[in-house]
Amino acid sequence: MIIVRIAMNALPEKQKEVMQTLLSMIASRGCLSHHVLRDIEDENVFSLIDEWETREDLDQHLRSAKFGVLLGTKSLLCEPPNIEIHTVSTSEKMPAVNAARDKIT
């Protein structure tokens, strides 16, 4: 699984346009989940967090016109977007939490 996090610091008067752009990113092929978040401490900071099934799906998305629109939002931002791509090799679920809690003395 691949997780992409894009943080964007919007100009105060451009928050609506940034949010509309982030919402337009929904429903790309191979995207397992898509979350648009707003920072609770700074209402100008938005994050887009996507989970991708394969690197090929992500790369296709990065080459898409839809992603090009996202990169074109630089005039709406205080600084360039911060883009992070994380590769996850393993995932654990509730049994891992239970196992860790069983070790509480």
N, C-alpha and C. Protein backbone atom coordinates (compact mmCIF):
# COMPACT_ATOMS: atom_id res chain seq x y z
N MET A 1 0.85 -1.17 0.00
CA MET A 1 0.00 0.00 0.00
C MET A 1 0.89 1.24 0.00
N ILE A 2 0.41 2.28 -0.64
CA ILE A 2 1.14 3.55 -0.72
C ILE A 2 0.22 4.64 -0.18
N ILE A 3 0.76 5.45 0.71
CA ILE A 3 0.01 6.56 1.29
C ILE A 3 0.64 7.86 0.82
N VAL A 4 -0.19 8.73 0.28
CA VAL A 4 0.26 10.04 -0.18
C VAL A 4 -0.40 11.10 0.69
N ARG A 5 0.41 12.01 1.22
CA ARG A 5 -0.11 13.13 2.01
C ARG A 5 0.35 14.41 1.34
N ILE A 6 -0.62 15.25 1.04
CA ILE A 6 -0.33 16.56 0.44
C ILE A 6 -0.87 17.62 1.38
N ALA A 7 0.02 18.44 1.92
CA ALA A 7 -0.38 19.54 2.81
C ALA A 7 -0.31 20.84 2.02
N MET A 8 -1.36 21.63 2.16
CA MET A 8 -1.44 22.88 1.42
C MET A 8 -1.83 24.01 2.37
N ASN A 9 -1.06 25.09 2.35
CA ASN A 9 -1.34 26.25 3.18
C ASN A 9 -1.97 27.32 2.28
N ALA A 10 -3.29 27.43 2.35
CA ALA A 10 -4.04 28.32 1.46
C ALA A 10 -3.94 29.77 1.91
N LEU A 11 -3.96 30.66 0.93
CA LEU A 11 -4.14 32.06 1.25
C LEU A 11 -5.52 32.19 1.89
N PRO A 12 -5.67 33.01 2.94
CA PRO A 12 -6.97 33.07 3.65
C PRO A 12 -8.17 33.31 2.74
N GLU A 13 -8.02 34.13 1.72
CA GLU A 13 -9.15 34.43 0.84
C GLU A 13 -9.36 33.36 -0.24
N LYS A 14 -8.53 32.34 -0.27
CA LYS A 14 -8.61 31.30 -1.30
C LYS A 14 -8.97 29.92 -0.72
N GLN A 15 -9.41 29.87 0.53
CA GLN A 15 -9.73 28.59 1.17
C GLN A 15 -10.78 27.80 0.39
N LYS A 16 -11.82 28.46 -0.05
CA LYS A 16 -12.91 27.78 -0.75
C LYS A 16 -12.40 27.13 -2.04
N GLU A 17 -11.59 27.85 -2.81
CA GLU A 17 -11.06 27.32 -4.06
C GLU A 17 -10.14 26.12 -3.82
N VAL A 18 -9.33 26.19 -2.76
CA VAL A 18 -8.44 25.07 -2.43
C VAL A 18 -9.28 23.85 -2.05
N MET A 19 -10.30 24.05 -1.22
CA MET A 19 -11.16 22.93 -0.82
C MET A 19 -11.86 22.32 -2.03
N GLN A 20 -12.35 23.13 -2.94
CA GLN A 20 -13.01 22.62 -4.15
C GLN A 20 -12.03 21.80 -4.99
N THR A 21 -10.80 22.26 -5.10
CA THR A 21 -9.79 21.52 -5.86
C THR A 21 -9.51 20.17 -5.20
N LEU A 22 -9.36 20.16 -3.89
CA LEU A 22 -9.08 18.91 -3.18
C LEU A 22 -10.25 17.93 -3.32
N LEU A 23 -11.46 18.42 -3.24
CA LEU A 23 -12.62 17.54 -3.38
C LEU A 23 -12.74 16.99 -4.80
N SER A 24 -12.24 17.72 -5.78
CA SER A 24 -12.31 17.25 -7.17
C SER A 24 -11.36 16.08 -7.43
N MET A 25 -10.47 15.80 -6.49
CA MET A 25 -9.49 14.73 -6.67
C MET A 25 -10.08 13.35 -6.38
N ILE A 26 -11.28 13.29 -5.86
CA ILE A 26 -11.92 12.03 -5.46
C ILE A 26 -12.16 11.13 -6.68
N ALA A 27 -12.10 9.83 -6.45
CA ALA A 27 -12.50 8.80 -7.42
C ALA A 27 -11.52 8.58 -8.56
N SER A 28 -10.27 8.43 -8.22
CA SER A 28 -9.29 8.03 -9.22
C SER A 28 -9.12 6.52 -9.16
N ARG A 29 -8.91 5.90 -10.31
CA ARG A 29 -8.74 4.44 -10.39
C ARG A 29 -7.56 4.00 -9.53
N GLY A 30 -7.76 2.97 -8.72
CA GLY A 30 -6.71 2.43 -7.88
C GLY A 30 -6.58 3.10 -6.53
N CYS A 31 -7.36 4.14 -6.29
CA CYS A 31 -7.31 4.84 -5.01
C CYS A 31 -8.22 4.10 -4.03
N LEU A 32 -7.63 3.59 -2.94
CA LEU A 32 -8.39 2.83 -1.96
C LEU A 32 -9.17 3.72 -1.00
N SER A 33 -8.61 4.88 -0.68
CA SER A 33 -9.34 5.84 0.17
C SER A 33 -8.80 7.24 -0.10
N HIS A 34 -9.65 8.21 0.19
CA HIS A 34 -9.34 9.61 -0.12
C HIS A 34 -9.92 10.45 1.01
N HIS A 35 -9.07 11.21 1.69
CA HIS A 35 -9.52 12.02 2.82
C HIS A 35 -9.03 13.46 2.64
N VAL A 36 -9.94 14.40 2.79
CA VAL A 36 -9.59 15.81 2.78
C VAL A 36 -9.81 16.31 4.20
N LEU A 37 -8.76 16.90 4.77
CA LEU A 37 -8.80 17.34 6.16
C LEU A 37 -8.43 18.81 6.26
N ARG A 38 -8.97 19.46 7.29
CA ARG A 38 -8.62 20.84 7.57
C ARG A 38 -8.00 20.89 8.96
N ASP A 39 -6.90 21.57 9.11
CA ASP A 39 -6.20 21.66 10.38
C ASP A 39 -7.06 22.37 11.42
N ILE A 40 -7.12 21.83 12.64
CA ILE A 40 -7.95 22.46 13.67
C ILE A 40 -7.28 23.67 14.30
N GLU A 41 -5.96 23.79 14.15
CA GLU A 41 -5.26 24.94 14.70
C GLU A 41 -5.08 26.07 13.69
N ASP A 42 -5.07 25.74 12.41
CA ASP A 42 -4.89 26.75 11.36
C ASP A 42 -5.85 26.43 10.23
N GLU A 43 -6.92 27.17 10.13
CA GLU A 43 -7.97 26.87 9.14
C GLU A 43 -7.52 27.07 7.69
N ASN A 44 -6.33 27.60 7.49
CA ASN A 44 -5.80 27.77 6.13
C ASN A 44 -5.03 26.54 5.64
N VAL A 45 -4.79 25.59 6.53
CA VAL A 45 -4.00 24.41 6.18
C VAL A 45 -4.92 23.22 5.90
N PHE A 46 -4.77 22.67 4.71
CA PHE A 46 -5.55 21.52 4.28
C PHE A 46 -4.62 20.35 4.01
N SER A 47 -5.11 19.15 4.22
CA SER A 47 -4.35 17.95 3.88
C SER A 47 -5.21 17.03 3.05
N LEU A 48 -4.59 16.43 2.08
CA LEU A 48 -5.20 15.39 1.26
C LEU A 48 -4.42 14.12 1.55
N ILE A 49 -5.12 13.08 1.99
CA ILE A 49 -4.47 11.80 2.29
C ILE A 49 -5.14 10.72 1.46
N ASP A 50 -4.36 10.11 0.58
CA ASP A 50 -4.85 9.04 -0.29
C ASP A 50 -4.10 7.75 0.01
N GLU A 51 -4.80 6.63 -0.12
CA GLU A 51 -4.18 5.32 -0.05
C GLU A 51 -4.31 4.69 -1.43
N TRP A 52 -3.19 4.18 -1.96
CA TRP A 52 -3.16 3.62 -3.30
C TRP A 52 -2.83 2.14 -3.25
N GLU A 53 -3.46 1.39 -4.11
CA GLU A 53 -3.25 -0.05 -4.18
C GLU A 53 -1.87 -0.39 -4.73
N THR A 54 -1.46 0.28 -5.82
CA THR A 54 -0.17 -0.01 -6.45
C THR A 54 0.54 1.28 -6.84
N ARG A 55 1.83 1.18 -7.04
CA ARG A 55 2.62 2.33 -7.50
C ARG A 55 2.21 2.71 -8.92
N GLU A 56 1.85 1.73 -9.72
CA GLU A 56 1.42 2.01 -11.09
C GLU A 56 0.16 2.88 -11.10
N ASP A 57 -0.80 2.56 -10.21
CA ASP A 57 -2.02 3.37 -10.11
C ASP A 57 -1.68 4.80 -9.68
N LEU A 58 -0.80 4.92 -8.69
CA LEU A 58 -0.40 6.25 -8.23
C LEU A 58 0.30 7.01 -9.34
N ASP A 59 1.24 6.38 -10.03
CA ASP A 59 1.97 7.06 -11.11
C ASP A 59 1.03 7.54 -12.21
N GLN A 60 0.04 6.72 -12.54
CA GLN A 60 -0.95 7.12 -13.54
C GLN A 60 -1.71 8.36 -13.06
N HIS A 61 -2.06 8.38 -11.78
CA HIS A 61 -2.74 9.54 -11.21
C HIS A 61 -1.85 10.78 -11.24
N LEU A 62 -0.56 10.61 -10.92
CA LEU A 62 0.37 11.75 -10.91
C LEU A 62 0.54 12.35 -12.29
N ARG A 63 0.35 11.54 -13.34
CA ARG A 63 0.46 12.03 -14.72
C ARG A 63 -0.86 12.60 -15.25
N SER A 64 -1.93 12.47 -14.49
CA SER A 64 -3.26 12.84 -14.97
C SER A 64 -3.47 14.36 -14.99
N ALA A 65 -4.43 14.78 -15.80
CA ALA A 65 -4.81 16.19 -15.86
C ALA A 65 -5.38 16.63 -14.51
N LYS A 66 -6.08 15.72 -13.85
CA LYS A 66 -6.67 16.03 -12.55
C LYS A 66 -5.58 16.42 -11.55
N PHE A 67 -4.48 15.68 -11.53
CA PHE A 67 -3.38 16.01 -10.62
C PHE A 67 -2.69 17.29 -11.08
N GLY A 68 -2.63 17.52 -12.37
CA GLY A 68 -2.06 18.76 -12.89
C GLY A 68 -2.81 19.98 -12.39
N VAL A 69 -4.13 19.85 -12.25
CA VAL A 69 -4.93 20.95 -11.70
C VAL A 69 -4.51 21.22 -10.26
N LEU A 70 -4.30 20.15 -9.49
CA LEU A 70 -3.86 20.32 -8.10
C LEU A 70 -2.53 21.06 -8.05
N LEU A 71 -1.58 20.67 -8.90
CA LEU A 71 -0.29 21.35 -8.92
C LEU A 71 -0.43 22.80 -9.38
N GLY A 72 -1.46 23.10 -10.15
CA GLY A 72 -1.68 24.45 -10.64
C GLY A 72 -2.29 25.40 -9.61
N THR A 73 -2.54 24.92 -8.41
CA THR A 73 -3.15 25.77 -7.37
C THR A 73 -2.14 26.66 -6.68
N LYS A 74 -0.89 26.69 -7.14
CA LYS A 74 0.15 27.44 -6.43
C LYS A 74 -0.20 28.91 -6.21
N SER A 75 -1.02 29.48 -7.09
CA SER A 75 -1.42 30.89 -6.90
C SER A 75 -2.43 31.05 -5.76
N LEU A 76 -2.97 29.93 -5.27
CA LEU A 76 -3.93 29.96 -4.16
C LEU A 76 -3.26 29.71 -2.81
N LEU A 77 -1.94 29.45 -2.85
CA LEU A 77 -1.22 29.00 -1.66
C LEU A 77 -0.18 30.00 -1.19
N CYS A 78 0.13 29.94 0.11
CA CYS A 78 1.19 30.76 0.70
C CYS A 78 2.57 30.22 0.34
N GLU A 79 2.65 28.91 0.09
CA GLU A 79 3.91 28.24 -0.22
C GLU A 79 3.58 27.02 -1.07
N PRO A 80 4.57 26.44 -1.73
CA PRO A 80 4.28 25.24 -2.54
C PRO A 80 3.72 24.12 -1.67
N PRO A 81 2.88 23.24 -2.26
CA PRO A 81 2.35 22.12 -1.48
C PRO A 81 3.48 21.19 -1.02
N ASN A 82 3.29 20.62 0.16
CA ASN A 82 4.24 19.65 0.70
C ASN A 82 3.69 18.26 0.37
N ILE A 83 4.37 17.54 -0.51
CA ILE A 83 3.90 16.23 -0.96
C ILE A 83 4.81 15.15 -0.40
N GLU A 84 4.21 14.17 0.29
CA GLU A 84 4.95 13.04 0.86
C GLU A 84 4.34 11.75 0.33
N ILE A 85 5.19 10.82 -0.11
CA ILE A 85 4.75 9.51 -0.59
C ILE A 85 5.40 8.47 0.32
N HIS A 86 4.56 7.68 0.99
CA HIS A 86 5.03 6.66 1.93
C HIS A 86 4.63 5.27 1.44
N THR A 87 5.58 4.36 1.42
CA THR A 87 5.32 2.98 1.07
C THR A 87 5.17 2.18 2.36
N VAL A 88 4.06 1.49 2.49
CA VAL A 88 3.78 0.70 3.69
C VAL A 88 3.97 -0.77 3.34
N SER A 89 4.90 -1.42 4.03
CA SER A 89 5.17 -2.82 3.70
C SER A 89 4.29 -3.78 4.49
N THR A 90 3.89 -3.39 5.69
CA THR A 90 3.00 -4.24 6.48
C THR A 90 1.96 -3.39 7.19
N SER A 91 0.83 -4.00 7.49
CA SER A 91 -0.23 -3.35 8.25
C SER A 91 -0.73 -4.33 9.30
N GLU A 92 -1.12 -3.80 10.43
CA GLU A 92 -1.68 -4.63 11.49
C GLU A 92 -3.03 -4.06 11.89
N LYS A 93 -3.83 -4.92 12.49
CA LYS A 93 -5.17 -4.52 12.91
C LYS A 93 -5.33 -4.70 14.41
N MET A 94 -6.57 -4.81 14.86
CA MET A 94 -6.89 -4.85 16.29
C MET A 94 -6.15 -5.94 17.06
N PRO A 95 -5.89 -7.12 16.51
CA PRO A 95 -5.14 -8.12 17.30
C PRO A 95 -3.78 -7.60 17.78
N ALA A 96 -3.13 -6.74 17.02
CA ALA A 96 -1.86 -6.16 17.44
C ALA A 96 -2.06 -5.24 18.65
N VAL A 97 -3.15 -4.50 18.65
CA VAL A 97 -3.47 -3.63 19.79
C VAL A 97 -3.74 -4.49 21.02
N ASN A 98 -4.55 -5.53 20.84
CA ASN A 98 -4.86 -6.42 21.96
C ASN A 98 -3.61 -7.08 22.52
N ALA A 99 -2.72 -7.52 21.64
CA ALA A 99 -1.49 -8.16 22.08
C ALA A 99 -0.63 -7.19 22.90
N ALA A 100 -0.53 -5.95 22.45
CA ALA A 100 0.25 -4.96 23.17
C ALA A 100 -0.38 -4.65 24.52
N ARG A 101 -1.71 -4.56 24.54
CA ARG A 101 -2.40 -4.25 25.80
C ARG A 101 -2.33 -5.42 26.78
N ASP A 102 -2.22 -6.63 26.28
CA ASP A 102 -2.08 -7.79 27.15
C ASP A 102 -0.78 -7.76 27.93
N LYS A 103 0.20 -6.99 27.44
CA LYS A 103 1.50 -6.90 28.10
C LYS A 103 1.53 -5.85 29.20
N ILE A 104 0.44 -5.11 29.39
CA ILE A 104 0.37 -4.09 30.45
C ILE A 104 0.37 -4.82 31.79
N THR A 105 1.24 -4.39 32.66
CA THR A 105 1.31 -5.03 33.98
C THR A 105 0.73 -4.19 35.06
